[in-house]
Amino acid sequence: MLRITPNIANKIKKAEVLLLGCSAGGFNIIYDLLTSLTITFPLAVIVVIHRSRNHKSGLEELLAKKGNLPVKLGAHGLKMERGVIYIAPPDYHLLIEPHGDFAVDYSEPVYYCRPAIDVTFESVADVYQDKVIAILFSGANEDGAEGLYYAKRQGGLTVVQDPECAQVKTMPEAAIRMTKTHLVLKDEEIFKLMQHIVTLNNVHE
């Protein structure tokens, strides 16, 4: 059962960025989660899914048709804004600059993956620190575990999909081993968390 403690509520209230990461088995829940977000969703959303240059998931097109929020492919120099979903581009790492602009990077893959969840989570946590909510879903390798650990060290709220709900348990189990995450949630509880974000988050004009 999802329990919002005062500490978690405070983290939600100050958050500016929602990070979502997954690999094998995570596409469907991330798609369902993103299409459930309402136009009042107050955070910028950054999504990292393992995919190569040649893999066409169609996620951006599907979200543009079915979702309520604008969807953009992360690109160099693009300014991050609240209420927009940003997708890491295939075969590039997605980072954030100190002034809030995106950058793309073609450095070495992490766990054979580019984009890598670790790279994005750590980059965003460096800049936004305790204003980050990071969620890790199903996946077949351990990418994302270190990024989640780093996000917690920087003061962010960390969430892992319950491995019992994940189609592939490797990624969430690695995160739980590495970090005493704030929340380990079943799928329906993650959707409820999104509702709490809308209710609790203070949007700074």
Protein backbone atom coordinates (compact mmCIF):
# COMPACT_ATOMS: atom_id res chain seq x y z
CA MET A 1 0.00 0.00 0.00
CA LEU A 2 1.32 3.43 -0.96
CA ARG A 3 2.01 5.48 2.15
CA ILE A 4 3.06 9.10 1.75
CA THR A 5 5.11 9.99 4.83
CA PRO A 6 5.84 13.63 5.67
CA ASN A 7 9.40 13.18 4.33
CA ILE A 8 8.17 11.83 1.01
CA ALA A 9 5.48 14.52 0.79
CA ASN A 10 8.14 17.20 1.25
CA LYS A 11 10.24 15.70 -1.53
CA ILE A 12 7.24 15.63 -3.87
CA LYS A 13 6.38 19.25 -3.08
CA LYS A 14 9.79 20.55 -4.11
CA ALA A 15 10.29 18.27 -7.16
CA GLU A 16 10.78 19.75 -10.62
CA VAL A 17 11.79 16.67 -12.66
CA LEU A 18 10.43 13.13 -12.96
CA LEU A 19 12.90 10.56 -14.30
CA LEU A 20 11.67 7.25 -15.70
CA GLY A 21 14.01 4.46 -16.77
CA CYS A 22 13.42 0.97 -18.15
CA SER A 23 14.66 -1.70 -20.50
CA ALA A 24 13.18 -5.07 -21.43
CA GLY A 25 9.62 -5.48 -20.20
CA GLY A 26 9.13 -1.86 -19.17
CA PHE A 27 7.74 -0.27 -22.31
CA ASN A 28 4.06 -1.02 -21.66
CA ILE A 29 3.88 0.31 -18.12
CA ILE A 30 5.82 3.46 -19.02
CA TYR A 31 3.51 4.03 -21.99
CA ASP A 32 0.42 3.52 -19.83
CA LEU A 33 1.85 5.78 -17.13
CA LEU A 34 2.70 8.59 -19.55
CA THR A 35 -0.69 8.48 -21.27
CA SER A 36 -2.38 8.67 -17.87
CA LEU A 37 -0.71 11.99 -17.00
CA THR A 38 -3.10 14.93 -17.16
CA ILE A 39 -2.43 18.39 -18.57
CA THR A 40 -2.06 19.59 -14.96
CA PHE A 41 0.99 17.39 -14.38
CA PRO A 42 3.48 19.83 -12.84
CA LEU A 43 6.90 18.29 -13.55
CA ALA A 44 9.16 17.91 -16.54
CA VAL A 45 9.33 14.20 -17.44
CA ILE A 46 12.49 12.59 -18.83
CA VAL A 47 12.23 9.03 -20.15
CA VAL A 48 15.18 6.73 -20.87
CA ILE A 49 14.40 3.44 -22.62
CA HIS A 50 17.14 1.23 -23.99
CA ARG A 51 16.88 1.33 -27.76
CA SER A 52 19.35 1.45 -30.63
CA ARG A 53 19.39 3.75 -33.62
CA ASN A 54 17.76 1.02 -35.73
CA HIS A 55 14.98 0.24 -33.26
CA LYS A 56 11.75 2.08 -34.01
CA SER A 57 9.49 1.87 -30.95
CA GLY A 58 7.16 4.62 -32.13
CA LEU A 59 6.87 5.86 -28.55
CA GLU A 60 6.96 9.53 -29.45
CA GLU A 61 4.25 9.15 -32.09
CA LEU A 62 2.04 7.04 -29.82
CA LEU A 63 2.29 9.51 -26.97
CA ALA A 64 1.61 12.45 -29.27
CA LYS A 65 -1.63 10.76 -30.36
CA LYS A 66 -2.81 9.25 -27.08
CA GLY A 67 -1.24 11.38 -24.34
CA ASN A 68 -2.22 14.72 -22.84
CA LEU A 69 1.24 16.30 -22.57
CA PRO A 70 3.58 17.59 -25.29
CA VAL A 71 6.28 15.08 -26.27
CA LYS A 72 9.75 15.98 -27.51
CA LEU A 73 12.82 13.99 -28.44
CA GLY A 74 15.75 15.13 -26.30
CA ALA A 75 18.10 17.26 -28.42
CA HIS A 76 21.18 19.39 -27.87
CA GLY A 77 20.27 22.88 -26.65
CA LEU A 78 16.60 22.10 -26.02
CA LYS A 79 15.34 23.89 -22.89
CA MET A 80 13.64 21.70 -20.31
CA GLU A 81 10.14 22.82 -19.32
CA ARG A 82 7.60 21.60 -16.82
CA GLY A 83 4.63 19.70 -18.23
CA VAL A 84 6.57 18.29 -21.18
CA ILE A 85 7.72 14.69 -21.77
CA TYR A 86 11.26 14.30 -23.12
CA ILE A 87 12.44 11.00 -24.60
CA ALA A 88 16.12 10.08 -24.78
CA PRO A 89 17.07 9.71 -28.46
CA PRO A 90 18.15 6.29 -29.77
CA ASP A 91 21.91 5.63 -29.62
CA TYR A 92 22.74 8.81 -27.66
CA HIS A 93 23.10 9.50 -23.97
CA LEU A 94 20.86 12.33 -22.78
CA LEU A 95 22.24 14.81 -20.25
CA ILE A 96 21.18 18.10 -18.69
CA GLU A 97 23.39 21.18 -18.48
CA PRO A 98 23.59 23.36 -15.33
CA HIS A 99 21.38 26.02 -16.92
CA GLY A 100 18.62 23.52 -17.74
CA ASP A 101 19.33 22.80 -21.41
CA PHE A 102 19.65 19.27 -22.73
CA ALA A 103 22.81 17.86 -24.27
CA VAL A 104 23.34 14.62 -26.18
CA ASP A 105 26.50 12.55 -25.96
CA TYR A 106 27.96 9.71 -28.02
CA SER A 107 30.41 8.41 -25.40
CA GLU A 108 30.83 4.74 -24.59
CA PRO A 109 27.72 2.64 -23.86
CA VAL A 110 26.95 1.76 -20.24
CA TYR A 111 26.04 -1.91 -19.74
CA TYR A 112 26.15 -2.07 -23.55
CA CYS A 113 23.39 0.55 -23.69
CA ARG A 114 23.20 4.00 -25.25
CA PRO A 115 21.12 5.80 -24.13
CA ALA A 116 21.96 4.66 -20.60
CA ILE A 117 19.71 5.28 -17.63
CA ASP A 118 22.68 5.80 -15.28
CA VAL A 119 24.05 8.63 -17.41
CA THR A 120 20.80 10.59 -17.51
CA PHE A 121 19.82 9.98 -13.88
CA GLU A 122 23.25 11.08 -12.61
CA SER A 123 23.38 14.13 -14.88
CA VAL A 124 19.93 15.36 -13.85
CA ALA A 125 20.58 14.62 -10.16
CA ASP A 126 23.78 16.68 -10.35
CA VAL A 127 21.84 19.73 -11.50
CA TYR A 128 18.47 19.34 -9.75
CA GLN A 129 19.60 17.43 -6.64
CA ASP A 130 16.67 17.20 -4.17
CA LYS A 131 14.19 18.37 -6.82
CA VAL A 132 14.23 14.98 -8.60
CA ILE A 133 11.87 12.00 -8.46
CA ALA A 134 13.47 8.95 -10.11
CA ILE A 135 11.64 5.71 -10.91
CA LEU A 136 13.23 2.52 -12.23
CA PHE A 137 11.19 -0.20 -13.94
CA SER A 138 11.68 -3.60 -15.55
CA GLY A 139 14.95 -4.37 -17.33
CA ALA A 140 17.37 -7.14 -18.22
CA ASN A 141 20.59 -5.56 -16.95
CA GLU A 142 21.76 -3.41 -14.02
CA ASP A 143 21.79 -0.03 -15.76
CA GLY A 144 19.89 2.48 -13.66
CA ALA A 145 20.83 1.06 -10.26
CA GLU A 146 23.84 3.36 -9.85
CA GLY A 147 21.88 6.30 -11.23
CA LEU A 148 19.13 5.74 -8.69
CA TYR A 149 21.69 5.44 -5.90
CA TYR A 150 23.25 8.73 -6.99
CA ALA A 151 19.85 10.46 -7.18
CA LYS A 152 19.16 9.45 -3.57
CA ARG A 153 22.58 10.69 -2.43
CA GLN A 154 21.76 14.05 -4.01
CA GLY A 155 18.50 14.23 -2.03
CA GLY A 156 16.02 13.04 -4.65
CA LEU A 157 13.03 10.75 -4.11
CA THR A 158 13.79 7.23 -5.40
CA VAL A 159 11.21 4.66 -6.46
CA VAL A 160 11.54 1.12 -7.80
CA GLN A 161 8.88 -1.00 -9.48
CA ASP A 162 8.21 -4.03 -7.29
CA PRO A 163 10.22 -6.85 -8.93
CA GLU A 164 7.18 -9.10 -8.53
CA CYS A 165 5.35 -6.79 -10.97
CA ALA A 166 8.26 -6.38 -13.40
CA GLN A 167 8.34 -8.53 -16.52
CA VAL A 168 12.13 -8.75 -16.12
CA LYS A 169 13.36 -8.45 -12.53
CA THR A 170 17.11 -7.83 -13.05
CA MET A 171 17.00 -4.02 -13.13
CA PRO A 172 14.68 -3.36 -10.16
CA GLU A 173 16.38 -6.06 -8.08
CA ALA A 174 19.80 -4.49 -8.74
CA ALA A 175 18.46 -1.10 -7.64
CA ILE A 176 17.03 -2.53 -4.43
CA ARG A 177 20.32 -4.27 -3.63
CA MET A 178 22.32 -1.09 -4.17
CA THR A 179 20.04 1.50 -2.60
CA LYS A 180 17.61 1.59 0.28
CA THR A 181 15.06 3.26 -1.96
CA HIS A 182 12.30 5.38 -0.52
CA LEU A 183 9.52 3.39 -2.18
CA VAL A 184 9.17 -0.07 -3.79
CA LEU A 185 5.77 0.06 -5.45
CA LYS A 186 3.40 -2.18 -7.33
CA ASP A 187 2.17 -0.88 -10.67
CA GLU A 188 -1.11 0.53 -9.37
CA GLU A 189 0.75 2.31 -6.57
CA ILE A 190 3.03 4.03 -9.08
CA PHE A 191 -0.06 5.42 -10.81
CA LYS A 192 -1.34 6.67 -7.46
CA LEU A 193 2.01 8.33 -6.85
CA MET A 194 1.47 10.36 -10.04
CA GLN A 195 -1.81 11.61 -8.57
CA HIS A 196 -0.05 12.63 -5.37
CA ILE A 197 2.52 14.55 -7.43
CA VAL A 198 -0.26 16.60 -9.03
CA THR A 199 -1.91 17.20 -5.66
CA LEU A 200 1.17 18.00 -3.60
CA ASN A 201 3.65 19.63 -5.93
CA ASN A 202 4.07 23.36 -5.62
CA VAL A 203 4.55 24.93 -9.03
CA HIS A 204 6.78 27.97 -8.78
CA GLU A 205 5.74 30.68 -11.17
